[in-house]
Amino acid sequence: MLRVGDLQRSIDFYTRILGMKVPRQSEHTEYKYTLAFVGYGPESENSVLELTYNWGTDKYDLGTAYGHIALEVDNAADACERIRQAGGKVTREAGPMKGGTTVIAFVEDPDGYKVELIEKHA
């Protein structure tokens, strides 16, 4: 679960830029929050990410315990280019990880959360 400062901006990033879908969304007026779940397919078959918008809160301190979300991609360099062309922010270009051969890249969502792109092994 990620707490987000602008739900529509975050949904746009995860759907338009990263290609996810929104399988469900719910508004909880009594407690003043909205949940949106994003992922690459139905929740019965795929993992989803919960985006929580607490009404009236537009920014969070990300803290030091959070690392990043990791997604597997066919080609990290191609994914970076697609993300950049769609208006996303690439913070580390595709290349081998330190001390290894796995190709990775990093992008950042609108709230500053890091998303690692891990290239599939052949």
PDB file of N, CA and C in Angstrom:
ATOM      1  N   MET A   1       0.842  -1.172   0.000  1.00  0.00           N
ATOM      2  CA  MET A   1       0.000   0.000   0.000  1.00  0.00           C
ATOM      3  C   MET A   1       0.883   1.229   0.000  1.00  0.00           C
ATOM      4  N   LEU A   2       0.523   2.192  -0.858  1.00  0.00           N
ATOM      5  CA  LEU A   2       1.206   3.473  -0.887  1.00  0.00           C
ATOM      6  C   LEU A   2       0.197   4.564  -0.593  1.00  0.00           C
ATOM      7  N   ARG A   3       0.558   5.485   0.288  1.00  0.00           N
ATOM      8  CA  ARG A   3      -0.273   6.664   0.530  1.00  0.00           C
ATOM      9  C   ARG A   3       0.109   7.702  -0.515  1.00  0.00           C
ATOM     10  N   VAL A   4      -0.894   8.250  -1.200  1.00  0.00           N
ATOM     11  CA  VAL A   4      -0.622   9.187  -2.286  1.00  0.00           C
ATOM     12  C   VAL A   4      -1.284  10.533  -2.010  1.00  0.00           C
ATOM     13  N   GLY A   5      -0.677  11.593  -2.532  1.00  0.00           N
ATOM     14  CA  GLY A   5      -1.170  12.944  -2.290  1.00  0.00           C
ATOM     15  C   GLY A   5      -2.216  13.418  -3.281  1.00  0.00           C
ATOM     16  N   ASP A   6      -2.305  12.789  -4.445  1.00  0.00           N
ATOM     17  CA  ASP A   6      -3.285  13.156  -5.466  1.00  0.00           C
ATOM     18  C   ASP A   6      -3.642  11.864  -6.185  1.00  0.00           C
ATOM     19  N   LEU A   7      -4.804  11.320  -5.886  1.00  0.00           N
ATOM     20  CA  LEU A   7      -5.173   9.996  -6.384  1.00  0.00           C
ATOM     21  C   LEU A   7      -5.212   9.947  -7.907  1.00  0.00           C
ATOM     22  N   GLN A   8      -5.822  10.924  -8.547  1.00  0.00           N
ATOM     23  CA  GLN A   8      -5.926  10.894 -10.007  1.00  0.00           C
ATOM     24  C   GLN A   8      -4.555  10.979 -10.664  1.00  0.00           C
ATOM     25  N   ARG A   9      -3.668  11.801 -10.108  1.00  0.00           N
ATOM     26  CA  ARG A   9      -2.309  11.913 -10.649  1.00  0.00           C
ATOM     27  C   ARG A   9      -1.598  10.563 -10.538  1.00  0.00           C
ATOM     28  N   SER A  10      -1.763   9.875  -9.410  1.00  0.00           N
ATOM     29  CA  SER A  10      -1.125   8.574  -9.209  1.00  0.00           C
ATOM     30  C   SER A  10      -1.735   7.509 -10.113  1.00  0.00           C
ATOM     31  N   ILE A  11      -3.054   7.490 -10.226  1.00  0.00           N
ATOM     32  CA  ILE A  11      -3.706   6.539 -11.124  1.00  0.00           C
ATOM     33  C   ILE A  11      -3.211   6.760 -12.546  1.00  0.00           C
ATOM     34  N   ASP A  12      -3.073   8.004 -12.965  1.00  0.00           N
ATOM     35  CA  ASP A  12      -2.575   8.318 -14.298  1.00  0.00           C
ATOM     36  C   ASP A  12      -1.171   7.747 -14.492  1.00  0.00           C
ATOM     37  N   PHE A  13      -0.303   7.922 -13.512  1.00  0.00           N
ATOM     38  CA  PHE A  13       1.064   7.402 -13.614  1.00  0.00           C
ATOM     39  C   PHE A  13       1.053   5.879 -13.756  1.00  0.00           C
ATOM     40  N   TYR A  14       0.366   5.193 -12.865  1.00  0.00           N
ATOM     41  CA  TYR A  14       0.407   3.730 -12.873  1.00  0.00           C
ATOM     42  C   TYR A  14      -0.332   3.121 -14.060  1.00  0.00           C
ATOM     43  N   THR A  15      -1.345   3.810 -14.590  1.00  0.00           N
ATOM     44  CA  THR A  15      -2.068   3.257 -15.734  1.00  0.00           C
ATOM     45  C   THR A  15      -1.485   3.742 -17.059  1.00  0.00           C
ATOM     46  N   ARG A  16      -1.411   5.038 -17.267  1.00  0.00           N
ATOM     47  CA  ARG A  16      -0.968   5.577 -18.555  1.00  0.00           C
ATOM     48  C   ARG A  16       0.525   5.370 -18.777  1.00  0.00           C
ATOM     49  N   ILE A  17       1.325   5.587 -17.739  1.00  0.00           N
ATOM     50  CA  ILE A  17       2.778   5.521 -17.911  1.00  0.00           C
ATOM     51  C   ILE A  17       3.323   4.111 -17.703  1.00  0.00           C
ATOM     52  N   LEU A  18       2.839   3.389 -16.683  1.00  0.00           N
ATOM     53  CA  LEU A  18       3.337   2.027 -16.441  1.00  0.00           C
ATOM     54  C   LEU A  18       2.440   0.943 -17.047  1.00  0.00           C
ATOM     55  N   GLY A  19       1.301   1.309 -17.596  1.00  0.00           N
ATOM     56  CA  GLY A  19       0.461   0.350 -18.307  1.00  0.00           C
ATOM     57  C   GLY A  19      -0.415  -0.547 -17.449  1.00  0.00           C
ATOM     58  N   MET A  20      -0.612  -0.188 -16.186  1.00  0.00           N
ATOM     59  CA  MET A  20      -1.479  -0.986 -15.313  1.00  0.00           C
ATOM     60  C   MET A  20      -2.943  -0.641 -15.573  1.00  0.00           C
ATOM     61  N   LYS A  21      -3.824  -1.386 -14.944  1.00  0.00           N
ATOM     62  CA  LYS A  21      -5.267  -1.142 -14.993  1.00  0.00           C
ATOM     63  C   LYS A  21      -5.758  -0.953 -13.560  1.00  0.00           C
ATOM     64  N   VAL A  22      -6.958  -0.401 -13.416  1.00  0.00           N
ATOM     65  CA  VAL A  22      -7.585  -0.207 -12.105  1.00  0.00           C
ATOM     66  C   VAL A  22      -8.721  -1.225 -11.987  1.00  0.00           C
ATOM     67  N   PRO A  23      -8.475  -2.377 -11.326  1.00  0.00           N
ATOM     68  CA  PRO A  23      -9.544  -3.371 -11.221  1.00  0.00           C
ATOM     69  C   PRO A  23     -10.665  -2.953 -10.267  1.00  0.00           C
ATOM     70  N   ARG A  24     -10.340  -2.093  -9.301  1.00  0.00           N
ATOM     71  CA  ARG A  24     -11.403  -1.607  -8.407  1.00  0.00           C
ATOM     72  C   ARG A  24     -10.949  -0.360  -7.666  1.00  0.00           C
ATOM     73  N   GLN A  25     -11.954   0.402  -7.243  1.00  0.00           N
ATOM     74  CA  GLN A  25     -11.732   1.627  -6.490  1.00  0.00           C
ATOM     75  C   GLN A  25     -12.910   1.790  -5.547  1.00  0.00           C
ATOM     76  N   SER A  26     -12.657   2.292  -4.340  1.00  0.00           N
ATOM     77  CA  SER A  26     -13.750   2.489  -3.382  1.00  0.00           C
ATOM     78  C   SER A  26     -13.518   3.762  -2.581  1.00  0.00           C
ATOM     79  N   GLU A  27     -14.607   4.441  -2.309  1.00  0.00           N
ATOM     80  CA  GLU A  27     -14.570   5.685  -1.537  1.00  0.00           C
ATOM     81  C   GLU A  27     -15.210   5.429  -0.174  1.00  0.00           C
ATOM     82  N   HIS A  28     -14.558   5.897   0.864  1.00  0.00           N
ATOM     83  CA  HIS A  28     -15.031   5.683   2.229  1.00  0.00           C
ATOM     84  C   HIS A  28     -15.280   7.052   2.859  1.00  0.00           C
ATOM     85  N   THR A  29     -16.480   7.594   2.564  1.00  0.00           N
ATOM     86  CA  THR A  29     -16.790   8.968   2.962  1.00  0.00           C
ATOM     87  C   THR A  29     -16.789   9.162   4.469  1.00  0.00           C
ATOM     88  N   GLU A  30     -17.270   8.188   5.203  1.00  0.00           N
ATOM     89  CA  GLU A  30     -17.330   8.322   6.662  1.00  0.00           C
ATOM     90  C   GLU A  30     -15.941   8.530   7.265  1.00  0.00           C
ATOM     91  N   TYR A  31     -14.925   7.876   6.687  1.00  0.00           N
ATOM     92  CA  TYR A  31     -13.562   7.957   7.214  1.00  0.00           C
ATOM     93  C   TYR A  31     -12.643   8.821   6.354  1.00  0.00           C
ATOM     94  N   LYS A  32     -13.204   9.407   5.290  1.00  0.00           N
ATOM     95  CA  LYS A  32     -12.504  10.374   4.437  1.00  0.00           C
ATOM     96  C   LYS A  32     -11.236   9.823   3.786  1.00  0.00           C
ATOM     97  N   TYR A  33     -11.399   8.691   3.104  1.00  0.00           N
ATOM     98  CA  TYR A  33     -10.291   8.172   2.305  1.00  0.00           C
ATOM     99  C   TYR A  33     -10.838   7.409   1.100  1.00  0.00           C
ATOM    100  N   THR A  34     -10.006   7.278   0.081  1.00  0.00           N
ATOM    101  CA  THR A  34     -10.357   6.553  -1.132  1.00  0.00           C
ATOM    102  C   THR A  34      -9.240   5.561  -1.427  1.00  0.00           C
ATOM    103  N   LEU A  35      -9.620   4.363  -1.846  1.00  0.00           N
ATOM    104  CA  LEU A  35      -8.664   3.328  -2.225  1.00  0.00           C
ATOM    105  C   LEU A  35      -8.796   3.051  -3.718  1.00  0.00           C
ATOM    106  N   ALA A  36      -7.662   2.879  -4.364  1.00  0.00           N
ATOM    107  CA  ALA A  36      -7.642   2.438  -5.758  1.00  0.00           C
ATOM    108  C   ALA A  36      -6.598   1.329  -5.843  1.00  0.00           C
ATOM    109  N   PHE A  37      -6.941   0.256  -6.522  1.00  0.00           N
ATOM    110  CA  PHE A  37      -6.032  -0.868  -6.699  1.00  0.00           C
ATOM    111  C   PHE A  37      -5.603  -0.893  -8.158  1.00  0.00           C
ATOM    112  N   VAL A  38      -4.288  -0.979  -8.389  1.00  0.00           N
ATOM    113  CA  VAL A  38      -3.748  -0.991  -9.745  1.00  0.00           C
ATOM    114  C   VAL A  38      -2.891  -2.231  -9.936  1.00  0.00           C
ATOM    115  N   GLY A  39      -2.913  -2.773 -11.155  1.00  0.00           N
ATOM    116  CA  GLY A  39      -2.112  -3.951 -11.451  1.00  0.00           C
ATOM    117  C   GLY A  39      -2.215  -4.299 -12.923  1.00  0.00           C
ATOM    118  N   TYR A  40      -1.560  -5.401 -13.291  1.00  0.00           N
ATOM    119  CA  TYR A  40      -1.493  -5.808 -14.692  1.00  0.00           C
ATOM    120  C   TYR A  40      -2.542  -6.832 -15.092  1.00  0.00           C
ATOM    121  N   GLY A  41      -3.441  -7.155 -14.190  1.00  0.00           N
ATOM    122  CA  GLY A  41      -4.488  -8.107 -14.534  1.00  0.00           C
ATOM    123  C   GLY A  41      -5.417  -8.293 -13.354  1.00  0.00           C
ATOM    124  N   PRO A  42      -6.364  -9.211 -13.477  1.00  0.00           N
ATOM    125  CA  PRO A  42      -7.337  -9.446 -12.404  1.00  0.00           C
ATOM    126  C   PRO A  42      -6.641  -9.828 -11.090  1.00  0.00           C
ATOM    127  N   GLU A  43      -7.182  -9.343  -9.995  1.00  0.00           N
ATOM    128  CA  GLU A  43      -6.604  -9.636  -8.675  1.00  0.00           C
ATOM    129  C   GLU A  43      -6.574 -11.131  -8.360  1.00  0.00           C
ATOM    130  N   SER A  44      -7.463 -11.887  -8.962  1.00  0.00           N
ATOM    131  CA  SER A  44      -7.488 -13.327  -8.712  1.00  0.00           C
ATOM    132  C   SER A  44      -6.268 -14.023  -9.314  1.00  0.00           C
ATOM    133  N   GLU A  45      -5.589 -13.356 -10.253  1.00  0.00           N
ATOM    134  CA  GLU A  45      -4.458 -13.969 -10.933  1.00  0.00           C
ATOM    135  C   GLU A  45      -3.157 -13.172 -10.831  1.00  0.00           C
ATOM    136  N   ASN A  46      -3.229 -11.933 -10.352  1.00  0.00           N
ATOM    137  CA  ASN A  46      -2.065 -11.047 -10.326  1.00  0.00           C
ATOM    138  C   ASN A  46      -2.004 -10.273  -9.023  1.00  0.00           C
ATOM    139  N   SER A  47      -0.819  -9.841  -8.681  1.00  0.00           N
ATOM    140  CA  SER A  47      -0.660  -8.942  -7.544  1.00  0.00           C
ATOM    141  C   SER A  47      -1.125  -7.552  -7.944  1.00  0.00           C
ATOM    142  N   VAL A  48      -1.643  -6.823  -6.980  1.00  0.00           N
ATOM    143  CA  VAL A  48      -2.042  -5.444  -7.219  1.00  0.00           C
ATOM    144  C   VAL A  48      -1.424  -4.557  -6.147  1.00  0.00           C
ATOM    145  N   LEU A  49      -1.352  -3.290  -6.453  1.00  0.00           N
ATOM    146  CA  LEU A  49      -0.819  -2.291  -5.543  1.00  0.00           C
ATOM    147  C   LEU A  49      -1.978  -1.426  -5.073  1.00  0.00           C
ATOM    148  N   GLU A  50      -2.099  -1.258  -3.762  1.00  0.00           N
ATOM    149  CA  GLU A  50      -3.160  -0.436  -3.194  1.00  0.00           C
ATOM    150  C   GLU A  50      -2.663   1.002  -3.066  1.00  0.00           C
ATOM    151  N   LEU A  51      -3.397   1.935  -3.671  1.00  0.00           N
ATOM    152  CA  LEU A  51      -3.108   3.359  -3.522  1.00  0.00           C
ATOM    153  C   LEU A  51      -4.151   3.930  -2.567  1.00  0.00           C
ATOM    154  N   THR A  52      -3.703   4.553  -1.489  1.00  0.00           N
ATOM    155  CA  THR A  52      -4.605   5.123  -0.493  1.00  0.00           C
ATOM    156  C   THR A  52      -4.498   6.637  -0.516  1.00  0.00           C
ATOM    157  N   TYR A  53      -5.635   7.290  -0.718  1.00  0.00           N
ATOM    158  CA  TYR A  53      -5.679   8.752  -0.661  1.00  0.00           C
ATOM    159  C   TYR A  53      -6.499   9.146   0.561  1.00  0.00           C
ATOM    160  N   ASN A  54      -5.834   9.740   1.547  1.00  0.00           N
ATOM    161  CA  ASN A  54      -6.500  10.289   2.720  1.00  0.00           C
ATOM    162  C   ASN A  54      -6.871  11.728   2.386  1.00  0.00           C
ATOM    163  N   TRP A  55      -8.170  12.000   2.343  1.00  0.00           N
ATOM    164  CA  TRP A  55      -8.661  13.295   1.887  1.00  0.00           C
ATOM    165  C   TRP A  55      -7.990  14.432   2.650  1.00  0.00           C
ATOM    166  N   GLY A  56      -7.552  15.424   1.920  1.00  0.00           N
ATOM    167  CA  GLY A  56      -6.959  16.613   2.525  1.00  0.00           C
ATOM    168  C   GLY A  56      -5.465  16.515   2.776  1.00  0.00           C
ATOM    169  N   THR A  57      -4.866  15.348   2.532  1.00  0.00           N
ATOM    170  CA  THR A  57      -3.417  15.191   2.710  1.00  0.00           C
ATOM    171  C   THR A  57      -2.789  15.118   1.330  1.00  0.00           C
ATOM    172  N   ASP A  58      -1.938  16.081   1.010  1.00  0.00           N
ATOM    173  CA  ASP A  58      -1.385  16.105  -0.338  1.00  0.00           C
ATOM    174  C   ASP A  58       0.086  15.729  -0.414  1.00  0.00           C
ATOM    175  N   LYS A  59       0.706  15.411   0.731  1.00  0.00           N
ATOM    176  CA  LYS A  59       2.120  15.042   0.699  1.00  0.00           C
ATOM    177  C   LYS A  59       2.463  14.217   1.941  1.00  0.00           C
ATOM    178  N   TYR A  60       3.385  13.281   1.753  1.00  0.00           N
ATOM    179  CA  TYR A  60       3.849  12.433   2.848  1.00  0.00           C
ATOM    180  C   TYR A  60       5.365  12.441   2.908  1.00  0.00           C
ATOM    181  N   ASP A  61       5.909  12.256   4.098  1.00  0.00           N
ATOM    182  CA  ASP A  61       7.333  12.017   4.279  1.00  0.00           C
ATOM    183  C   ASP A  61       7.525  10.533   4.002  1.00  0.00           C
ATOM    184  N   LEU A  62       8.354  10.202   3.024  1.00  0.00           N
ATOM    185  CA  LEU A  62       8.493   8.805   2.627  1.00  0.00           C
ATOM    186  C   LEU A  62       9.228   7.969   3.667  1.00  0.00           C
ATOM    187  N   GLY A  63       9.965   8.575   4.566  1.00  0.00           N
ATOM    188  CA  GLY A  63      10.642   7.822   5.613  1.00  0.00           C
ATOM    189  C   GLY A  63      11.880   7.101   5.103  1.00  0.00           C
ATOM    190  N   THR A  64      12.564   6.423   6.007  1.00  0.00           N
ATOM    191  CA  THR A  64      13.801   5.741   5.644  1.00  0.00           C
ATOM    192  C   THR A  64      13.644   4.223   5.534  1.00  0.00           C
ATOM    193  N   ALA A  65      12.500   3.679   5.902  1.00  0.00           N
ATOM    194  CA  ALA A  65      12.311   2.231   5.837  1.00  0.00           C
ATOM    195  C   ALA A  65      11.872   1.774   4.449  1.00  0.00           C
ATOM    196  N   TYR A  66      11.209   2.623   3.709  1.00  0.00           N
ATOM    197  CA  TYR A  66      10.713   2.261   2.389  1.00  0.00           C
ATOM    198  C   TYR A  66      11.860   2.172   1.399  1.00  0.00           C
ATOM    199  N   GLY A  67      11.844   1.163   0.569  1.00  0.00           N
ATOM    200  CA  GLY A  67      12.857   1.015  -0.468  1.00  0.00           C
ATOM    201  C   GLY A  67      12.274   1.373  -1.821  1.00  0.00           C
ATOM    202  N   HIS A  68      11.600   0.409  -2.463  1.00  0.00           N
ATOM    203  CA  HIS A  68      11.003   0.648  -3.764  1.00  0.00           C
ATOM    204  C   HIS A  68      10.101  -0.524  -4.143  1.00  0.00           C
ATOM    205  N   ILE A  69       9.304  -0.296  -5.174  1.00  0.00           N
ATOM    206  CA  ILE A  69       8.504  -1.335  -5.808  1.00  0.00           C
ATOM    207  C   ILE A  69       9.370  -1.895  -6.935  1.00  0.00           C
ATOM    208  N   ALA A  70       9.300  -3.181  -7.213  1.00  0.00           N
ATOM    209  CA  ALA A  70      10.066  -3.770  -8.315  1.00  0.00           C
ATOM    210  C   ALA A  70       9.112  -4.425  -9.303  1.00  0.00           C
ATOM    211  N   LEU A  71       9.331  -4.136 -10.594  1.00  0.00           N
ATOM    212  CA  LEU A  71       8.537  -4.723 -11.665  1.00  0.00           C
ATOM    213  C   LEU A  71       9.465  -5.372 -12.683  1.00  0.00           C
ATOM    214  N   GLU A  72       9.096  -6.555 -13.155  1.00  0.00           N
ATOM    215  CA  GLU A  72       9.876  -7.204 -14.199  1.00  0.00           C
ATOM    216  C   GLU A  72       9.413  -6.694 -15.559  1.00  0.00           C
ATOM    217  N   VAL A  73      10.375  -6.386 -16.428  1.00  0.00           N
ATOM    218  CA  VAL A  73      10.077  -5.905 -17.780  1.00  0.00           C
ATOM    219  C   VAL A  73      10.890  -6.724 -18.782  1.00  0.00           C
ATOM    220  N   ASP A  74      10.429  -6.766 -20.024  1.00  0.00           N
ATOM    221  CA  ASP A  74      11.160  -7.494 -21.057  1.00  0.00           C
ATOM    222  C   ASP A  74      12.497  -6.835 -21.368  1.00  0.00           C
ATOM    223  N   ASN A  75      12.501  -5.506 -21.483  1.00  0.00           N
ATOM    224  CA  ASN A  75      13.702  -4.764 -21.839  1.00  0.00           C
ATOM    225  C   ASN A  75      13.692  -3.455 -21.064  1.00  0.00           C
ATOM    226  N   ALA A  76      14.634  -3.277 -20.145  1.00  0.00           N
ATOM    227  CA  ALA A  76      14.647  -2.106 -19.263  1.00  0.00           C
ATOM    228  C   ALA A  76      14.882  -0.809 -20.025  1.00  0.00           C
ATOM    229  N   ALA A  77      15.776  -0.819 -21.009  1.00  0.00           N
ATOM    230  CA  ALA A  77      16.045   0.399 -21.781  1.00  0.00           C
ATOM    231  C   ALA A  77      14.805   0.824 -22.565  1.00  0.00           C
ATOM    232  N   ASP A  78      14.128  -0.138 -23.198  1.00  0.00           N
ATOM    233  CA  ASP A  78      12.901   0.181 -23.938  1.00  0.00           C
ATOM    234  C   ASP A  78      11.819   0.701 -22.995  1.00  0.00           C
ATOM    235  N   ALA A  79      11.708   0.086 -21.814  1.00  0.00           N
ATOM    236  CA  ALA A  79      10.718   0.538 -20.836  1.00  0.00           C
ATOM    237  C   ALA A  79      11.009   1.967 -20.393  1.00  0.00           C
ATOM    238  N   CYS A  80      12.279   2.290 -20.157  1.00  0.00           N
ATOM    239  CA  CYS A  80      12.649   3.662 -19.780  1.00  0.00           C
ATOM    240  C   CYS A  80      12.241   4.649 -20.870  1.00  0.00           C
ATOM    241  N   GLU A  81      12.491   4.297 -22.095  1.00  0.00           N
ATOM    242  CA  GLU A  81      12.147   5.195 -23.198  1.00  0.00           C
ATOM    243  C   GLU A  81      10.637   5.400 -23.294  1.00  0.00           C
ATOM    244  N   ARG A  82       9.859   4.319 -23.171  1.00  0.00           N
ATOM    245  CA  ARG A  82       8.389   4.442 -23.198  1.00  0.00           C
ATOM    246  C   ARG A  82       7.910   5.318 -22.053  1.00  0.00           C
ATOM    247  N   ILE A  83       8.473   5.110 -20.858  1.00  0.00           N
ATOM    248  CA  ILE A  83       8.072   5.883 -19.678  1.00  0.00           C
ATOM    249  C   ILE A  83       8.430   7.357 -19.865  1.00  0.00           C
ATOM    250  N   ARG A  84       9.612   7.630 -20.354  1.00  0.00           N
ATOM    251  CA  ARG A  84      10.050   9.007 -20.602  1.00  0.00           C
ATOM    252  C   ARG A  84       9.143   9.677 -21.630  1.00  0.00           C
ATOM    253  N   GLN A  85       8.851   8.977 -22.724  1.00  0.00           N
ATOM    254  CA  GLN A  85       7.993   9.530 -23.778  1.00  0.00           C
ATOM    255  C   GLN A  85       6.582   9.813 -23.276  1.00  0.00           C
ATOM    256  N   ALA A  86       6.132   9.055 -22.289  1.00  0.00           N
ATOM    257  CA  ALA A  86       4.791   9.250 -21.722  1.00  0.00           C
ATOM    258  C   ALA A  86       4.773  10.328 -20.635  1.00  0.00           C
ATOM    259  N   GLY A  87       5.943  10.904 -20.339  1.00  0.00           N
ATOM    260  CA  GLY A  87       5.997  11.967 -19.332  1.00  0.00           C
ATOM    261  C   GLY A  87       6.491  11.518 -17.978  1.00  0.00           C
ATOM    262  N   GLY A  88       6.940  10.268 -17.858  1.00  0.00           N
ATOM    263  CA  GLY A  88       7.452   9.758 -16.590  1.00  0.00           C
ATOM    264  C   GLY A  88       8.890  10.191 -16.350  1.00  0.00           C
ATOM    265  N   LYS A  89       9.322  10.066 -15.113  1.00  0.00           N
ATOM    266  CA  LYS A  89      10.659  10.490 -14.704  1.00  0.00           C
ATOM    267  C   LYS A  89      11.562   9.269 -14.497  1.00  0.00           C
ATOM    268  N   VAL A  90      12.584   9.143 -15.329  1.00  0.00           N
ATOM    269  CA  VAL A  90      13.579   8.077 -15.190  1.00  0.00           C
ATOM    270  C   VAL A  90      14.695   8.625 -14.306  1.00  0.00           C
ATOM    271  N   THR A  91      14.987   7.940 -13.199  1.00  0.00           N
ATOM    272  CA  THR A  91      16.023   8.420 -12.284  1.00  0.00           C
ATOM    273  C   THR A  91      17.318   7.627 -12.382  1.00  0.00           C
ATOM    274  N   ARG A  92      17.271   6.451 -12.999  1.00  0.00           N
ATOM    275  CA  ARG A  92      18.479   5.654 -13.263  1.00  0.00           C
ATOM    276  C   ARG A  92      18.249   4.925 -14.567  1.00  0.00           C
ATOM    277  N   GLU A  93      19.087   5.206 -15.525  1.00  0.00           N
ATOM    278  CA  GLU A  93      18.965   4.552 -16.828  1.00  0.00           C
ATOM    279  C   GLU A  93      19.266   3.060 -16.694  1.00  0.00           C
ATOM    280  N   ALA A  94      18.808   2.290 -17.660  1.00  0.00           N
ATOM    281  CA  ALA A  94      19.020   0.844 -17.672  1.00  0.00           C
ATOM    282  C   ALA A  94      20.504   0.517 -17.734  1.00  0.00           C
ATOM    283  N   GLY A  95      20.907  -0.434 -16.911  1.00  0.00           N
ATOM    284  CA  GLY A  95      22.282  -0.907 -16.892  1.00  0.00           C
ATOM    285  C   GLY A  95      22.431  -1.976 -15.838  1.00  0.00           C
ATOM    286  N   PRO A  96      23.590  -2.642 -15.802  1.00  0.00           N
ATOM    287  CA  PRO A  96      23.783  -3.712 -14.821  1.00  0.00           C
ATOM    288  C   PRO A  96      23.777  -3.172 -13.396  1.00  0.00           C
ATOM    289  N   MET A  97      23.216  -3.965 -12.505  1.00  0.00           N
ATOM    290  CA  MET A  97      23.219  -3.572 -11.092  1.00  0.00           C
ATOM    291  C   MET A  97      24.631  -3.682 -10.535  1.00  0.00           C
ATOM    292  N   LYS A  98      24.910  -2.919  -9.492  1.00  0.00           N
ATOM    293  CA  LYS A  98      26.231  -2.974  -8.867  1.00  0.00           C
ATOM    294  C   LYS A  98      26.502  -4.386  -8.370  1.00  0.00           C
ATOM    295  N   GLY A  99      27.657  -4.919  -8.715  1.00  0.00           N
ATOM    296  CA  GLY A  99      28.040  -6.244  -8.259  1.00  0.00           C
ATOM    297  C   GLY A  99      27.328  -7.384  -8.952  1.00  0.00           C
ATOM    298  N   GLY A 100      26.674  -7.114 -10.087  1.00  0.00           N
ATOM    299  CA  GLY A 100      25.954  -8.182 -10.772  1.00  0.00           C
ATOM    300  C   GLY A 100      25.801  -7.913 -12.243  1.00  0.00           C
ATOM    301  N   THR A 101      25.029  -8.760 -12.888  1.00  0.00           N
ATOM    302  CA  THR A 101      24.812  -8.614 -14.329  1.00  0.00           C
ATOM    303  C   THR A 101      23.358  -8.322 -14.678  1.00  0.00           C
ATOM    304  N   THR A 102      22.467  -8.426 -13.706  1.00  0.00           N
ATOM    305  CA  THR A 102      21.056  -8.145 -13.962  1.00  0.00           C
ATOM    306  C   THR A 102      20.895  -6.683 -14.354  1.00  0.00           C
ATOM    307  N   VAL A 103      20.178  -6.447 -15.445  1.00  0.00           N
ATOM    308  CA  VAL A 103      19.946  -5.075 -15.920  1.00  0.00           C
ATOM    309  C   VAL A 103      18.733  -4.503 -15.191  1.00  0.00           C
ATOM    310  N   ILE A 104      18.929  -3.336 -14.596  1.00  0.00           N
ATOM    311  CA  ILE A 104      17.864  -2.660 -13.869  1.00  0.00           C
ATOM    312  C   ILE A 104      17.817  -1.190 -14.287  1.00  0.00           C
ATOM    313  N   ALA A 105      16.722  -0.541 -13.925  1.00  0.00           N
ATOM    314  CA  ALA A 105      16.557   0.898 -14.097  1.00  0.00           C
ATOM    315  C   ALA A 105      15.602   1.355 -12.995  1.00  0.00           C
ATOM    316  N   PHE A 106      15.531   2.649 -12.770  1.00  0.00           N
ATOM    317  CA  PHE A 106      14.598   3.182 -11.789  1.00  0.00           C
ATOM    318  C   PHE A 106      13.822   4.341 -12.375  1.00  0.00           C
ATOM    319  N   VAL A 107      12.537   4.386 -12.025  1.00  0.00           N
ATOM    320  CA  VAL A 107      11.687   5.521 -12.336  1.00  0.00           C
ATOM    321  C   VAL A 107      11.050   5.984 -11.031  1.00  0.00           C
ATOM    322  N   GLU A 108      10.437   7.148 -11.075  1.00  0.00           N
ATOM    323  CA  GLU A 108       9.841   7.712  -9.867  1.00  0.00           C
ATOM    324  C   GLU A 108       8.392   8.078 -10.156  1.00  0.00           C
ATOM    325  N   ASP A 109       7.500   7.732  -9.223  1.00  0.00           N
ATOM    326  CA  ASP A 109       6.090   8.085  -9.409  1.00  0.00           C
ATOM    327  C   ASP A 109       5.875   9.535  -8.954  1.00  0.00           C
ATOM    328  N   PRO A 110       4.677  10.091  -9.146  1.00  0.00           N
ATOM    329  CA  PRO A 110       4.449  11.501  -8.825  1.00  0.00           C
ATOM    330  C   PRO A 110       4.635  11.862  -7.349  1.00  0.00           C
ATOM    331  N   ASP A 111       4.547  10.885  -6.456  1.00  0.00           N
ATOM    332  CA  ASP A 111       4.739  11.159  -5.033  1.00  0.00           C
ATOM    333  C   ASP A 111       6.178  10.927  -4.583  1.00  0.00           C
ATOM    334  N   GLY A 112       7.056  10.554  -5.505  1.00  0.00           N
ATOM    335  CA  GLY A 112       8.456  10.325  -5.164  1.00  0.00           C
ATOM    336  C   GLY A 112       8.805   8.891  -4.847  1.00  0.00           C
ATOM    337  N   TYR A 113       7.838   7.965  -4.951  1.00  0.00           N
ATOM    338  CA  TYR A 113       8.132   6.557  -4.719  1.00  0.00           C
ATOM    339  C   TYR A 113       8.962   6.021  -5.880  1.00  0.00           C
ATOM    340  N   LYS A 114       9.984   5.248  -5.565  1.00  0.00           N
ATOM    341  CA  LYS A 114      10.849   4.657  -6.584  1.00  0.00           C
ATOM    342  C   LYS A 114      10.245   3.345  -7.079  1.00  0.00           C
ATOM    343  N   VAL A 115      10.373   3.123  -8.378  1.00  0.00           N
ATOM    344  CA  VAL A 115       9.930   1.879  -9.008  1.00  0.00           C
ATOM    345  C   VAL A 115      11.118   1.329  -9.784  1.00  0.00           C
ATOM    346  N   GLU A 116      11.560   0.133  -9.392  1.00  0.00           N
ATOM    347  CA  GLU A 116      12.679  -0.518 -10.070  1.00  0.00           C
ATOM    348  C   GLU A 116      12.137  -1.354 -11.219  1.00  0.00           C
ATOM    349  N   LEU A 117      12.794  -1.245 -12.354  1.00  0.00           N
ATOM    350  CA  LEU A 117      12.475  -2.071 -13.522  1.00  0.00           C
ATOM    351  C   LEU A 117      13.581  -3.107 -13.642  1.00  0.00           C
ATOM    352  N   ILE A 118      13.230  -4.382 -13.540  1.00  0.00           N
ATOM    353  CA  ILE A 118      14.208  -5.463 -13.599  1.00  0.00           C
ATOM    354  C   ILE A 118      14.004  -6.212 -14.916  1.00  0.00           C
ATOM    355  N   GLU A 119      15.038  -6.230 -15.734  1.00  0.00           N
ATOM    356  CA  GLU A 119      14.946  -6.889 -17.030  1.00  0.00           C
ATOM    357  C   GLU A 119      14.928  -8.403 -16.851  1.00  0.00           C
ATOM    358  N   LYS A 120      14.000  -9.056 -17.572  1.00  0.00           N
ATOM    359  CA  LYS A 120      13.892 -10.516 -17.541  1.00  0.00           C
ATOM    360  C   LYS A 120      15.210 -11.135 -18.015  1.00  0.00           C
ATOM    361  N   HIS A 121      15.592 -12.231 -17.387  1.00  0.00           N
ATOM    362  CA  HIS A 121      16.752 -12.980 -17.853  1.00  0.00           C
ATOM    363  C   HIS A 121      16.372 -13.763 -19.090  1.00  0.00           C
ATOM    364  N   ALA A 122      17.316 -13.920 -19.991  1.00  0.00           N
ATOM    365  CA  ALA A 122      17.040 -14.659 -21.233  1.00  0.00           C
ATOM    366  C   ALA A 122      16.791 -16.118 -20.943  1.00  0.00           C
TER     367      ALA A 122
END
